[in-house]
Amino acid sequence: MKVLCTNGMKSVLVDLLPEFERSTGNKVAITWGSANALMKELEEGAGGDLVVLTTQAVDELIARGKAVAQSRVDLARSGIGIAVRKSARKPDIGSPDALKHALMAAKSVAHSKTGTSGIYFLTVLARLGIAEAMQGKIVIPDAGTPVGEVVASGAAELGVQQLSELLPVAGVEVVGPLPEPLQKITTFTAAVLAGAKEPDAAKSLLEFIAARARPLLASKGLEPA
């Protein structure tokens, strides 16, 4: 069975899949990536049985007849946060003004190129009126490299990404979420693809994830949908 899963839910599925495979005998092959990158793969003809993407992406697939509407399940929500290298000073980001000061004071800030958080962060900079001033400080990781790893290596002072993607990275500490007026909450949703070769197995996996994920969410930087 083939699953396409956004990085925002990766830590949850990594924990759950071994038990699912042991209990059912089904083997799961997963393609990880940003929701936008995975949508592009689907548009270019990539097949699969189950998708775990942002709600917007899944609803788009359903509207186009690419995913089964009756199988759609909202799994979790995540906000965007900021991380620093482990043991580094944590700046105040508790208000828009404090965040603006922290970003301007930082030598470098990393965010993803295609992920939901990275695309949205550009609008945050614009709203704070510092988009142009920050241009020389922005670090974009190579495709597939988590923002947290860039921060852990010292290549960026601050990292901006979904909290659920920052927390699992060794060598970083989460400062906190973006202040409420600037926060963007993303809901992660799953659905069986209309062209699934293993639709029954995909449905079983979706039901398994929906039933078992909830106790894990808080520790992964997520909350119930």
N, C-alpha and C. Protein backbone atom coordinates (compact mmCIF):
# COMPACT_ATOMS: atom_id res chain seq x y z
N MET A 1 0.84 -1.19 0.00
CA MET A 1 0.00 0.00 0.00
C MET A 1 0.88 1.24 0.00
N LYS A 2 0.49 2.22 -0.81
CA LYS A 2 1.28 3.44 -0.93
C LYS A 2 0.53 4.61 -0.31
N VAL A 3 1.25 5.35 0.55
CA VAL A 3 0.68 6.51 1.24
C VAL A 3 1.52 7.73 0.91
N LEU A 4 0.85 8.84 0.66
CA LEU A 4 1.52 10.12 0.51
C LEU A 4 1.15 10.96 1.72
N CYS A 5 2.14 11.36 2.51
CA CYS A 5 1.87 12.01 3.79
C CYS A 5 2.68 13.30 3.95
N THR A 6 1.99 14.35 4.35
CA THR A 6 2.66 15.61 4.62
C THR A 6 3.60 15.49 5.82
N ASN A 7 4.68 16.25 5.81
CA ASN A 7 5.65 16.20 6.90
C ASN A 7 5.03 16.61 8.24
N GLY A 8 3.93 17.36 8.18
CA GLY A 8 3.28 17.79 9.41
C GLY A 8 2.72 16.66 10.24
N MET A 9 2.45 15.52 9.62
CA MET A 9 1.92 14.35 10.33
C MET A 9 2.94 13.21 10.40
N LYS A 10 4.14 13.45 9.96
CA LYS A 10 5.15 12.39 9.86
C LYS A 10 5.43 11.75 11.20
N SER A 11 5.62 12.55 12.24
CA SER A 11 6.00 11.98 13.54
C SER A 11 4.92 11.06 14.09
N VAL A 12 3.66 11.34 13.80
CA VAL A 12 2.57 10.49 14.26
C VAL A 12 2.57 9.16 13.51
N LEU A 13 2.68 9.22 12.19
CA LEU A 13 2.64 7.99 11.40
C LEU A 13 3.86 7.12 11.65
N VAL A 14 5.01 7.74 11.88
CA VAL A 14 6.22 6.96 12.17
C VAL A 14 5.99 6.10 13.42
N ASP A 15 5.29 6.64 14.40
CA ASP A 15 5.00 5.89 15.62
C ASP A 15 3.95 4.80 15.41
N LEU A 16 2.95 5.08 14.57
CA LEU A 16 1.81 4.18 14.44
C LEU A 16 2.00 3.05 13.43
N LEU A 17 2.74 3.30 12.37
CA LEU A 17 2.80 2.33 11.27
C LEU A 17 3.36 0.96 11.66
N PRO A 18 4.42 0.88 12.48
CA PRO A 18 4.92 -0.46 12.82
C PRO A 18 3.85 -1.36 13.44
N GLU A 19 3.02 -0.80 14.33
CA GLU A 19 1.96 -1.60 14.94
C GLU A 19 0.92 -2.02 13.91
N PHE A 20 0.58 -1.11 13.00
CA PHE A 20 -0.39 -1.45 11.95
C PHE A 20 0.14 -2.58 11.08
N GLU A 21 1.41 -2.50 10.69
CA GLU A 21 1.99 -3.53 9.83
C GLU A 21 2.05 -4.88 10.55
N ARG A 22 2.41 -4.86 11.83
CA ARG A 22 2.47 -6.11 12.60
C ARG A 22 1.09 -6.74 12.76
N SER A 23 0.09 -5.91 13.04
CA SER A 23 -1.23 -6.46 13.35
C SER A 23 -2.03 -6.86 12.12
N THR A 24 -1.71 -6.29 10.96
CA THR A 24 -2.49 -6.58 9.76
C THR A 24 -1.73 -7.35 8.70
N GLY A 25 -0.41 -7.31 8.77
CA GLY A 25 0.40 -7.95 7.73
C GLY A 25 0.54 -7.11 6.48
N ASN A 26 -0.09 -5.93 6.47
CA ASN A 26 0.03 -5.02 5.32
C ASN A 26 1.33 -4.23 5.41
N LYS A 27 2.01 -4.10 4.31
CA LYS A 27 3.22 -3.30 4.25
C LYS A 27 2.89 -1.93 3.66
N VAL A 28 3.43 -0.91 4.27
CA VAL A 28 3.12 0.46 3.87
C VAL A 28 4.37 1.17 3.37
N ALA A 29 4.28 1.69 2.16
CA ALA A 29 5.37 2.51 1.60
C ALA A 29 4.89 3.96 1.62
N ILE A 30 5.69 4.83 2.23
CA ILE A 30 5.25 6.21 2.40
C ILE A 30 6.18 7.17 1.66
N THR A 31 5.56 8.12 0.98
CA THR A 31 6.29 9.25 0.40
C THR A 31 6.00 10.46 1.27
N TRP A 32 7.07 11.02 1.87
CA TRP A 32 6.92 12.19 2.72
C TRP A 32 7.20 13.45 1.91
N GLY A 33 6.61 14.55 2.32
CA GLY A 33 6.89 15.83 1.65
C GLY A 33 5.92 16.90 2.11
N SER A 34 6.10 18.10 1.61
CA SER A 34 5.13 19.14 1.89
C SER A 34 3.84 18.81 1.13
N ALA A 35 2.73 19.33 1.61
CA ALA A 35 1.46 19.08 0.93
C ALA A 35 1.50 19.57 -0.50
N ASN A 36 2.11 20.72 -0.71
CA ASN A 36 2.19 21.28 -2.06
C ASN A 36 3.03 20.41 -2.98
N ALA A 37 4.15 19.90 -2.47
CA ALA A 37 5.00 19.04 -3.30
C ALA A 37 4.32 17.73 -3.63
N LEU A 38 3.60 17.17 -2.66
CA LEU A 38 2.91 15.90 -2.90
C LEU A 38 1.74 16.09 -3.87
N MET A 39 1.07 17.23 -3.77
CA MET A 39 0.00 17.51 -4.74
C MET A 39 0.57 17.60 -6.15
N LYS A 40 1.74 18.17 -6.26
CA LYS A 40 2.38 18.26 -7.57
C LYS A 40 2.70 16.87 -8.11
N GLU A 41 3.16 15.98 -7.23
CA GLU A 41 3.44 14.61 -7.65
C GLU A 41 2.18 13.92 -8.15
N LEU A 42 1.08 14.13 -7.44
CA LEU A 42 -0.19 13.54 -7.86
C LEU A 42 -0.64 14.09 -9.21
N GLU A 43 -0.45 15.39 -9.40
CA GLU A 43 -0.82 16.01 -10.67
C GLU A 43 0.02 15.46 -11.83
N GLU A 44 1.24 15.05 -11.50
CA GLU A 44 2.14 14.53 -12.54
C GLU A 44 1.97 13.03 -12.74
N GLY A 45 0.98 12.45 -12.07
CA GLY A 45 0.66 11.05 -12.33
C GLY A 45 1.06 10.05 -11.27
N ALA A 46 1.60 10.52 -10.13
CA ALA A 46 1.97 9.58 -9.07
C ALA A 46 0.72 8.89 -8.54
N GLY A 47 0.81 7.58 -8.37
CA GLY A 47 -0.31 6.84 -7.83
C GLY A 47 -0.22 6.73 -6.32
N GLY A 48 -1.22 6.15 -5.72
CA GLY A 48 -1.22 5.96 -4.28
C GLY A 48 -2.56 5.42 -3.82
N ASP A 49 -2.62 5.04 -2.55
CA ASP A 49 -3.84 4.50 -1.98
C ASP A 49 -4.47 5.44 -0.96
N LEU A 50 -3.62 6.11 -0.19
CA LEU A 50 -4.11 6.98 0.87
C LEU A 50 -3.28 8.26 0.89
N VAL A 51 -3.93 9.39 1.14
CA VAL A 51 -3.20 10.65 1.30
C VAL A 51 -3.50 11.23 2.68
N VAL A 52 -2.48 11.81 3.28
CA VAL A 52 -2.61 12.58 4.52
C VAL A 52 -2.00 13.94 4.22
N LEU A 53 -2.85 14.91 3.97
CA LEU A 53 -2.39 16.22 3.51
C LEU A 53 -3.12 17.31 4.29
N THR A 54 -2.97 18.54 3.87
CA THR A 54 -3.76 19.60 4.47
C THR A 54 -5.21 19.45 4.01
N THR A 55 -6.12 20.01 4.80
CA THR A 55 -7.53 19.93 4.44
C THR A 55 -7.79 20.53 3.07
N GLN A 56 -7.15 21.65 2.80
CA GLN A 56 -7.34 22.32 1.51
C GLN A 56 -6.94 21.40 0.36
N ALA A 57 -5.81 20.70 0.51
CA ALA A 57 -5.34 19.81 -0.54
C ALA A 57 -6.28 18.63 -0.73
N VAL A 58 -6.71 18.02 0.36
CA VAL A 58 -7.61 16.87 0.26
C VAL A 58 -8.95 17.27 -0.35
N ASP A 59 -9.48 18.41 0.08
CA ASP A 59 -10.76 18.86 -0.47
C ASP A 59 -10.65 19.16 -1.97
N GLU A 60 -9.47 19.63 -2.38
CA GLU A 60 -9.25 19.87 -3.81
C GLU A 60 -9.25 18.54 -4.58
N LEU A 61 -8.61 17.52 -4.01
CA LEU A 61 -8.60 16.21 -4.65
C LEU A 61 -10.01 15.64 -4.75
N ILE A 62 -10.79 15.82 -3.70
CA ILE A 62 -12.18 15.33 -3.71
C ILE A 62 -12.99 16.06 -4.78
N ALA A 63 -12.83 17.38 -4.86
CA ALA A 63 -13.57 18.17 -5.84
C ALA A 63 -13.23 17.75 -7.26
N ARG A 64 -12.02 17.27 -7.47
CA ARG A 64 -11.58 16.85 -8.80
C ARG A 64 -11.82 15.37 -9.05
N GLY A 65 -12.47 14.70 -8.10
CA GLY A 65 -12.75 13.28 -8.26
C GLY A 65 -11.55 12.39 -8.06
N LYS A 66 -10.49 12.92 -7.42
CA LYS A 66 -9.27 12.15 -7.22
C LYS A 66 -9.22 11.44 -5.88
N ALA A 67 -10.12 11.81 -4.98
CA ALA A 67 -10.18 11.17 -3.66
C ALA A 67 -11.64 10.91 -3.31
N VAL A 68 -11.85 9.93 -2.44
CA VAL A 68 -13.20 9.49 -2.09
C VAL A 68 -13.74 10.35 -0.95
N ALA A 69 -14.80 11.10 -1.23
CA ALA A 69 -15.35 12.03 -0.25
C ALA A 69 -15.80 11.33 1.03
N GLN A 70 -16.40 10.15 0.88
CA GLN A 70 -16.94 9.43 2.04
C GLN A 70 -15.85 8.94 2.99
N SER A 71 -14.61 8.91 2.51
CA SER A 71 -13.51 8.41 3.35
C SER A 71 -12.81 9.53 4.12
N ARG A 72 -13.15 10.77 3.81
CA ARG A 72 -12.44 11.93 4.36
C ARG A 72 -12.54 12.01 5.88
N VAL A 73 -11.37 12.17 6.56
CA VAL A 73 -11.33 12.29 8.01
C VAL A 73 -10.32 13.37 8.41
N ASP A 74 -10.75 14.34 9.22
CA ASP A 74 -9.84 15.32 9.78
C ASP A 74 -9.11 14.66 10.96
N LEU A 75 -7.78 14.75 10.96
CA LEU A 75 -6.99 14.03 11.96
C LEU A 75 -6.42 14.92 13.06
N ALA A 76 -5.88 16.08 12.70
CA ALA A 76 -5.18 16.90 13.70
C ALA A 76 -4.99 18.31 13.18
N ARG A 77 -4.60 19.20 14.10
CA ARG A 77 -4.31 20.59 13.74
C ARG A 77 -2.96 20.97 14.31
N SER A 78 -2.28 21.88 13.63
CA SER A 78 -0.99 22.35 14.11
C SER A 78 -0.81 23.82 13.80
N GLY A 79 -0.20 24.52 14.73
CA GLY A 79 0.18 25.91 14.49
C GLY A 79 1.62 25.99 14.02
N ILE A 80 2.04 27.19 13.69
CA ILE A 80 3.40 27.44 13.25
C ILE A 80 4.21 27.96 14.43
N GLY A 81 5.43 27.48 14.57
CA GLY A 81 6.27 27.90 15.68
C GLY A 81 7.65 28.33 15.24
N ILE A 82 8.42 28.75 16.21
CA ILE A 82 9.81 29.17 15.99
C ILE A 82 10.72 28.38 16.91
N ALA A 83 11.86 27.95 16.37
CA ALA A 83 12.82 27.16 17.14
C ALA A 83 14.20 27.79 17.06
N VAL A 84 15.00 27.50 18.08
CA VAL A 84 16.41 27.92 18.11
C VAL A 84 17.26 26.67 18.35
N ARG A 85 18.55 26.83 18.17
CA ARG A 85 19.47 25.74 18.46
C ARG A 85 19.43 25.42 19.95
N LYS A 86 19.58 24.18 20.30
CA LYS A 86 19.52 23.76 21.70
C LYS A 86 20.48 24.57 22.55
N SER A 87 19.98 25.05 23.68
CA SER A 87 20.72 25.85 24.66
C SER A 87 20.94 27.30 24.23
N ALA A 88 20.49 27.67 23.04
CA ALA A 88 20.61 29.06 22.60
C ALA A 88 19.58 29.92 23.33
N ARG A 89 19.82 31.22 23.38
CA ARG A 89 18.88 32.14 24.02
C ARG A 89 17.56 32.12 23.24
N LYS A 90 16.47 32.09 23.98
CA LYS A 90 15.15 32.10 23.36
C LYS A 90 14.60 33.53 23.36
N PRO A 91 14.38 34.09 22.17
CA PRO A 91 13.87 35.46 22.12
C PRO A 91 12.39 35.54 22.50
N ASP A 92 11.97 36.72 22.86
CA ASP A 92 10.55 36.96 23.13
C ASP A 92 9.81 37.05 21.80
N ILE A 93 8.80 36.19 21.62
CA ILE A 93 7.98 36.24 20.39
C ILE A 93 6.50 36.30 20.77
N GLY A 94 6.22 36.77 21.99
CA GLY A 94 4.87 36.71 22.52
C GLY A 94 3.87 37.69 21.94
N SER A 95 4.34 38.65 21.17
CA SER A 95 3.45 39.62 20.54
C SER A 95 3.99 39.93 19.15
N PRO A 96 3.18 40.52 18.28
CA PRO A 96 3.69 40.88 16.96
C PRO A 96 4.92 41.80 17.03
N ASP A 97 4.92 42.77 17.92
CA ASP A 97 6.07 43.67 18.04
C ASP A 97 7.30 42.92 18.53
N ALA A 98 7.10 42.01 19.49
CA ALA A 98 8.23 41.23 20.00
C ALA A 98 8.79 40.32 18.90
N LEU A 99 7.90 39.70 18.14
CA LEU A 99 8.34 38.84 17.04
C LEU A 99 9.11 39.65 16.01
N LYS A 100 8.62 40.82 15.68
CA LYS A 100 9.30 41.69 14.72
C LYS A 100 10.71 42.01 15.19
N HIS A 101 10.85 42.34 16.46
CA HIS A 101 12.17 42.66 17.02
C HIS A 101 13.08 41.43 16.96
N ALA A 102 12.53 40.25 17.32
CA ALA A 102 13.33 39.03 17.31
C ALA A 102 13.83 38.69 15.91
N LEU A 103 12.96 38.84 14.93
CA LEU A 103 13.35 38.53 13.55
C LEU A 103 14.39 39.52 13.04
N MET A 104 14.22 40.79 13.35
CA MET A 104 15.17 41.79 12.90
C MET A 104 16.53 41.63 13.59
N ALA A 105 16.51 41.13 14.83
CA ALA A 105 17.75 40.96 15.58
C ALA A 105 18.50 39.70 15.18
N ALA A 106 17.79 38.75 14.60
CA ALA A 106 18.42 37.48 14.21
C ALA A 106 19.35 37.67 13.01
N LYS A 107 20.43 36.91 13.01
CA LYS A 107 21.36 36.96 11.87
C LYS A 107 20.81 36.19 10.67
N SER A 108 20.01 35.15 10.94
CA SER A 108 19.46 34.34 9.85
C SER A 108 18.20 33.63 10.32
N VAL A 109 17.28 33.43 9.38
CA VAL A 109 16.00 32.79 9.68
C VAL A 109 15.69 31.79 8.57
N ALA A 110 15.42 30.55 8.95
CA ALA A 110 15.13 29.51 7.96
C ALA A 110 13.63 29.21 7.90
N HIS A 111 13.15 29.01 6.69
CA HIS A 111 11.77 28.53 6.50
C HIS A 111 11.74 27.71 5.21
N SER A 112 10.73 26.86 5.08
CA SER A 112 10.64 26.00 3.91
C SER A 112 10.22 26.80 2.68
N LYS A 113 10.52 26.23 1.52
CA LYS A 113 10.18 26.90 0.26
C LYS A 113 8.77 26.57 -0.20
N THR A 114 8.38 25.31 -0.05
CA THR A 114 7.08 24.88 -0.60
C THR A 114 6.06 24.51 0.47
N GLY A 115 6.49 24.37 1.73
CA GLY A 115 5.56 23.99 2.78
C GLY A 115 4.57 25.10 3.12
N THR A 116 3.45 24.71 3.69
CA THR A 116 2.42 25.67 4.06
C THR A 116 2.97 26.75 4.98
N SER A 117 3.77 26.35 5.97
CA SER A 117 4.30 27.31 6.93
C SER A 117 5.26 28.30 6.26
N GLY A 118 6.09 27.80 5.35
CA GLY A 118 7.05 28.67 4.69
C GLY A 118 6.39 29.69 3.79
N ILE A 119 5.40 29.25 3.04
CA ILE A 119 4.67 30.17 2.16
C ILE A 119 3.92 31.21 2.99
N TYR A 120 3.31 30.77 4.09
CA TYR A 120 2.56 31.70 4.93
C TYR A 120 3.50 32.70 5.62
N PHE A 121 4.69 32.24 6.02
CA PHE A 121 5.62 33.12 6.74
C PHE A 121 5.96 34.37 5.94
N LEU A 122 5.98 34.26 4.63
CA LEU A 122 6.25 35.43 3.80
C LEU A 122 5.17 36.50 4.01
N THR A 123 3.94 36.08 4.24
CA THR A 123 2.87 37.05 4.50
C THR A 123 3.02 37.66 5.89
N VAL A 124 3.58 36.90 6.83
CA VAL A 124 3.85 37.43 8.17
C VAL A 124 4.87 38.56 8.09
N LEU A 125 5.94 38.32 7.33
CA LEU A 125 6.96 39.36 7.17
C LEU A 125 6.36 40.61 6.54
N ALA A 126 5.49 40.41 5.57
CA ALA A 126 4.85 41.56 4.92
C ALA A 126 3.96 42.32 5.90
N ARG A 127 3.21 41.59 6.70
CA ARG A 127 2.32 42.23 7.68
C ARG A 127 3.11 42.99 8.74
N LEU A 128 4.30 42.49 9.07
CA LEU A 128 5.14 43.18 10.05
C LEU A 128 5.92 44.33 9.42
N GLY A 129 5.86 44.44 8.09
CA GLY A 129 6.55 45.53 7.40
C GLY A 129 8.04 45.35 7.29
N ILE A 130 8.52 44.07 7.33
CA ILE A 130 9.96 43.84 7.30
C ILE A 130 10.37 42.87 6.19
N ALA A 131 9.49 42.66 5.23
CA ALA A 131 9.79 41.69 4.16
C ALA A 131 11.08 42.04 3.43
N GLU A 132 11.23 43.28 3.06
CA GLU A 132 12.43 43.69 2.32
C GLU A 132 13.67 43.63 3.20
N ALA A 133 13.53 44.07 4.44
CA ALA A 133 14.67 44.08 5.36
C ALA A 133 15.18 42.68 5.68
N MET A 134 14.31 41.68 5.60
CA MET A 134 14.68 40.31 5.96
C MET A 134 15.25 39.50 4.80
N GLN A 135 15.18 40.03 3.60
CA GLN A 135 15.56 39.25 2.41
C GLN A 135 16.96 38.65 2.52
N GLY A 136 17.91 39.40 3.02
CA GLY A 136 19.29 38.92 3.10
C GLY A 136 19.53 37.93 4.23
N LYS A 137 18.53 37.74 5.10
CA LYS A 137 18.69 36.84 6.25
C LYS A 137 18.02 35.49 6.06
N ILE A 138 17.24 35.35 5.01
CA ILE A 138 16.44 34.14 4.83
C ILE A 138 17.29 32.98 4.33
N VAL A 139 17.12 31.84 4.96
CA VAL A 139 17.80 30.60 4.57
C VAL A 139 16.72 29.59 4.16
N ILE A 140 16.81 29.07 2.95
CA ILE A 140 15.87 28.07 2.45
C ILE A 140 16.56 26.70 2.42
N PRO A 141 16.10 25.73 3.20
CA PRO A 141 16.72 24.41 3.19
C PRO A 141 16.60 23.72 1.83
N ASP A 142 17.50 22.80 1.59
CA ASP A 142 17.38 21.96 0.40
C ASP A 142 16.08 21.16 0.50
N ALA A 143 15.54 20.77 -0.64
CA ALA A 143 14.30 19.99 -0.65
C ALA A 143 14.45 18.74 0.20
N GLY A 144 13.48 18.52 1.08
CA GLY A 144 13.51 17.35 1.94
C GLY A 144 14.23 17.52 3.25
N THR A 145 14.90 18.66 3.43
CA THR A 145 15.63 18.92 4.67
C THR A 145 14.74 19.70 5.63
N PRO A 146 14.46 19.17 6.81
CA PRO A 146 13.62 19.89 7.77
C PRO A 146 14.28 21.19 8.21
N VAL A 147 13.47 22.19 8.44
CA VAL A 147 13.98 23.48 8.90
C VAL A 147 14.76 23.31 10.21
N GLY A 148 14.26 22.44 11.09
CA GLY A 148 14.93 22.23 12.36
C GLY A 148 16.36 21.76 12.22
N GLU A 149 16.64 20.96 11.21
CA GLU A 149 18.01 20.48 11.00
C GLU A 149 18.94 21.61 10.61
N VAL A 150 18.42 22.58 9.87
CA VAL A 150 19.21 23.75 9.49
C VAL A 150 19.58 24.56 10.73
N VAL A 151 18.62 24.68 11.64
CA VAL A 151 18.88 25.40 12.88
C VAL A 151 19.84 24.62 13.77
N ALA A 152 19.65 23.32 13.88
CA ALA A 152 20.51 22.49 14.72
C ALA A 152 21.96 22.53 14.25
N SER A 153 22.15 22.65 12.95
CA SER A 153 23.51 22.68 12.40
C SER A 153 24.19 24.04 12.57
N GLY A 154 23.41 25.05 12.96
CA GLY A 154 23.97 26.39 13.10
C GLY A 154 23.89 27.21 11.84
N ALA A 155 23.29 26.66 10.78
CA ALA A 155 23.20 27.40 9.51
C ALA A 155 22.14 28.48 9.55
N ALA A 156 21.26 28.44 10.55
CA ALA A 156 20.26 29.50 10.74
C ALA A 156 20.03 29.69 12.23
N GLU A 157 19.84 30.93 12.64
CA GLU A 157 19.65 31.22 14.06
C GLU A 157 18.24 30.88 14.52
N LEU A 158 17.25 31.19 13.67
CA LEU A 158 15.86 30.88 13.98
C LEU A 158 15.29 30.01 12.87
N GLY A 159 14.33 29.16 13.23
CA GLY A 159 13.64 28.33 12.24
C GLY A 159 12.15 28.47 12.40
N VAL A 160 11.45 28.58 11.29
CA VAL A 160 10.00 28.75 11.30
C VAL A 160 9.37 27.58 10.56
N GLN A 161 8.50 26.85 11.24
CA GLN A 161 7.84 25.71 10.60
C GLN A 161 6.68 25.24 11.48
N GLN A 162 5.92 24.28 10.98
CA GLN A 162 4.86 23.70 11.81
C GLN A 162 5.49 23.17 13.10
N LEU A 163 4.81 23.39 14.22
CA LEU A 163 5.31 22.88 15.50
C LEU A 163 5.53 21.37 15.44
N SER A 164 4.66 20.67 14.74
CA SER A 164 4.76 19.22 14.64
C SER A 164 5.99 18.77 13.85
N GLU A 165 6.57 19.67 13.07
CA GLU A 165 7.78 19.35 12.32
C GLU A 165 9.04 19.77 13.07
N LEU A 166 8.92 20.77 13.94
CA LEU A 166 10.07 21.23 14.71
C LEU A 166 10.37 20.32 15.90
N LEU A 167 9.33 19.88 16.59
CA LEU A 167 9.52 19.13 17.84
C LEU A 167 10.36 17.86 17.70
N PRO A 168 10.22 17.06 16.63
CA PRO A 168 10.98 15.81 16.56
C PRO A 168 12.47 15.99 16.26
N VAL A 169 12.91 17.18 15.91
CA VAL A 169 14.28 17.38 15.46
C VAL A 169 15.22 17.50 16.66
N ALA A 170 16.21 16.63 16.72
CA ALA A 170 17.20 16.70 17.79
C ALA A 170 18.09 17.93 17.59
N GLY A 171 18.46 18.54 18.69
CA GLY A 171 19.38 19.67 18.61
C GLY A 171 18.71 21.02 18.52
N VAL A 172 17.37 21.07 18.59
CA VAL A 172 16.68 22.36 18.60
C VAL A 172 15.71 22.41 19.77
N GLU A 173 15.33 23.62 20.14
CA GLU A 173 14.32 23.83 21.16
C GLU A 173 13.28 24.78 20.61
N VAL A 174 12.03 24.45 20.82
CA VAL A 174 10.94 25.30 20.34
C VAL A 174 10.78 26.50 21.27
N VAL A 175 10.82 27.69 20.71
CA VAL A 175 10.62 28.91 21.47
C VAL A 175 9.14 29.05 21.83
N GLY A 176 8.29 28.77 20.85
CA GLY A 176 6.85 28.86 21.05
C GLY A 176 6.15 29.07 19.73
N PRO A 177 4.83 29.20 19.77
CA PRO A 177 4.06 29.45 18.55
C PRO A 177 4.13 30.91 18.15
N LEU A 178 3.79 31.19 16.90
CA LEU A 178 3.64 32.57 16.48
C LEU A 178 2.56 33.24 17.33
N PRO A 179 2.69 34.52 17.62
CA PRO A 179 1.66 35.20 18.41
C PRO A 179 0.31 35.12 17.73
N GLU A 180 -0.73 35.06 18.51
CA GLU A 180 -2.08 34.79 18.02
C GLU A 180 -2.50 35.63 16.80
N PRO A 181 -2.27 36.93 16.79
CA PRO A 181 -2.73 37.71 15.63
C PRO A 181 -2.08 37.29 14.31
N LEU A 182 -0.94 36.60 14.39
CA LEU A 182 -0.20 36.21 13.19
C LEU A 182 -0.21 34.71 12.96
N GLN A 183 -0.85 33.97 13.84
CA GLN A 183 -0.82 32.51 13.75
C GLN A 183 -1.72 32.00 12.62
N LYS A 184 -1.30 30.87 12.07
CA LYS A 184 -2.11 30.17 11.07
C LYS A 184 -2.20 28.71 11.49
N ILE A 185 -3.41 28.23 11.73
CA ILE A 185 -3.61 26.84 12.12
C ILE A 185 -3.92 26.01 10.87
N THR A 186 -3.19 24.94 10.72
CA THR A 186 -3.39 24.03 9.59
C THR A 186 -4.03 22.74 10.08
N THR A 187 -5.08 22.31 9.41
CA THR A 187 -5.71 21.03 9.73
C THR A 187 -5.21 19.98 8.75
N PHE A 188 -4.86 18.82 9.27
CA PHE A 188 -4.41 17.71 8.44
C PHE A 188 -5.54 16.70 8.28
N THR A 189 -5.77 16.31 7.05
CA THR A 189 -6.92 15.47 6.69
C THR A 189 -6.44 14.29 5.85
N ALA A 190 -7.11 13.17 5.99
CA ALA A 190 -6.77 11.98 5.22
C ALA A 190 -7.96 11.52 4.39
N ALA A 191 -7.65 10.86 3.28
CA ALA A 191 -8.70 10.30 2.43
C ALA A 191 -8.10 9.21 1.55
N VAL A 192 -8.94 8.27 1.17
CA VAL A 192 -8.54 7.22 0.24
C VAL A 192 -8.60 7.79 -1.17
N LEU A 193 -7.58 7.52 -1.96
CA LEU A 193 -7.57 8.00 -3.34
C LEU A 193 -8.53 7.20 -4.20
N ALA A 194 -9.15 7.88 -5.15
CA ALA A 194 -10.14 7.24 -6.01
C ALA A 194 -9.53 6.12 -6.84
N GLY A 195 -8.26 6.27 -7.20
CA GLY A 195 -7.60 5.26 -8.02
C GLY A 195 -6.81 4.25 -7.21
N ALA A 196 -7.10 4.11 -5.94
CA ALA A 196 -6.34 3.21 -5.06
C ALA A 196 -6.35 1.78 -5.57
N LYS A 197 -5.18 1.15 -5.57
CA LYS A 197 -5.08 -0.26 -5.93
C LYS A 197 -5.40 -1.15 -4.73
N GLU A 198 -5.26 -0.59 -3.53
CA GLU A 198 -5.55 -1.32 -2.30
C GLU A 198 -6.54 -0.52 -1.44
N PRO A 199 -7.75 -0.31 -1.94
CA PRO A 199 -8.69 0.57 -1.23
C PRO A 199 -9.09 0.04 0.15
N ASP A 200 -9.25 -1.28 0.29
CA ASP A 200 -9.65 -1.84 1.58
C ASP A 200 -8.55 -1.66 2.62
N ALA A 201 -7.31 -1.91 2.21
CA ALA A 201 -6.18 -1.73 3.12
C ALA A 201 -6.03 -0.26 3.48
N ALA A 202 -6.24 0.61 2.50
CA ALA A 202 -6.13 2.05 2.75
C ALA A 202 -7.19 2.50 3.75
N LYS A 203 -8.41 1.98 3.60
CA LYS A 203 -9.48 2.32 4.54
C LYS A 203 -9.15 1.82 5.94
N SER A 204 -8.59 0.63 6.03
CA SER A 204 -8.22 0.07 7.33
C SER A 204 -7.14 0.92 8.00
N LEU A 205 -6.16 1.35 7.21
CA LEU A 205 -5.10 2.18 7.76
C LEU A 205 -5.65 3.52 8.23
N LEU A 206 -6.53 4.11 7.45
CA LEU A 206 -7.13 5.39 7.84
C LEU A 206 -7.90 5.25 9.15
N GLU A 207 -8.67 4.19 9.28
CA GLU A 207 -9.42 3.96 10.51
C GLU A 207 -8.48 3.74 11.69
N PHE A 208 -7.38 3.04 11.44
CA PHE A 208 -6.39 2.78 12.49
C PHE A 208 -5.75 4.07 12.96
N ILE A 209 -5.35 4.93 12.01
CA ILE A 209 -4.72 6.21 12.37
C ILE A 209 -5.70 7.08 13.15
N ALA A 210 -6.93 7.17 12.67
CA ALA A 210 -7.93 8.01 13.33
C ALA A 210 -8.19 7.54 14.76
N ALA A 211 -8.16 6.23 14.98
CA ALA A 211 -8.44 5.68 16.31
C ALA A 211 -7.26 5.80 17.26
N ARG A 212 -6.04 5.71 16.74
CA ARG A 212 -4.86 5.63 17.61
C ARG A 212 -4.07 6.93 17.72
N ALA A 213 -4.33 7.90 16.87
CA ALA A 213 -3.49 9.09 16.85
C ALA A 213 -3.72 10.03 18.02
N ARG A 214 -4.94 10.13 18.48
CA ARG A 214 -5.30 11.17 19.45
C ARG A 214 -4.39 11.22 20.68
N PRO A 215 -4.06 10.09 21.33
CA PRO A 215 -3.20 10.16 22.52
C PRO A 215 -1.78 10.67 22.22
N LEU A 216 -1.37 10.63 20.96
CA LEU A 216 -0.02 11.04 20.61
C LEU A 216 0.08 12.52 20.26
N LEU A 217 -1.03 13.16 19.98
CA LEU A 217 -0.99 14.48 19.35
C LEU A 217 -0.25 15.53 20.15
N ALA A 218 -0.56 15.66 21.43
CA ALA A 218 0.04 16.73 22.23
C ALA A 218 1.56 16.64 22.24
N SER A 219 2.09 15.43 22.33
CA SER A 219 3.54 15.26 22.38
C SER A 219 4.20 15.52 21.04
N LYS A 220 3.40 15.59 19.99
CA LYS A 220 3.92 15.82 18.64
C LYS A 220 3.70 17.26 18.17
N GLY A 221 3.22 18.12 19.06
CA GLY A 221 2.96 19.50 18.66
C GLY A 221 1.66 19.68 17.91
N LEU A 222 0.75 18.75 18.11
CA LEU A 222 -0.53 18.77 17.41
C LEU A 222 -1.67 18.81 18.42
N GLU A 223 -2.87 19.06 17.93
CA GLU A 223 -4.07 19.01 18.75
C GLU A 223 -5.18 18.35 17.93
N PRO A 224 -6.20 17.83 18.59
CA PRO A 224 -7.29 17.18 17.84
C PRO A 224 -7.94 18.14 16.85
N ALA A 225 -8.35 17.61 15.72
CA ALA A 225 -8.99 18.44 14.70
C ALA A 225 -10.38 18.84 15.17
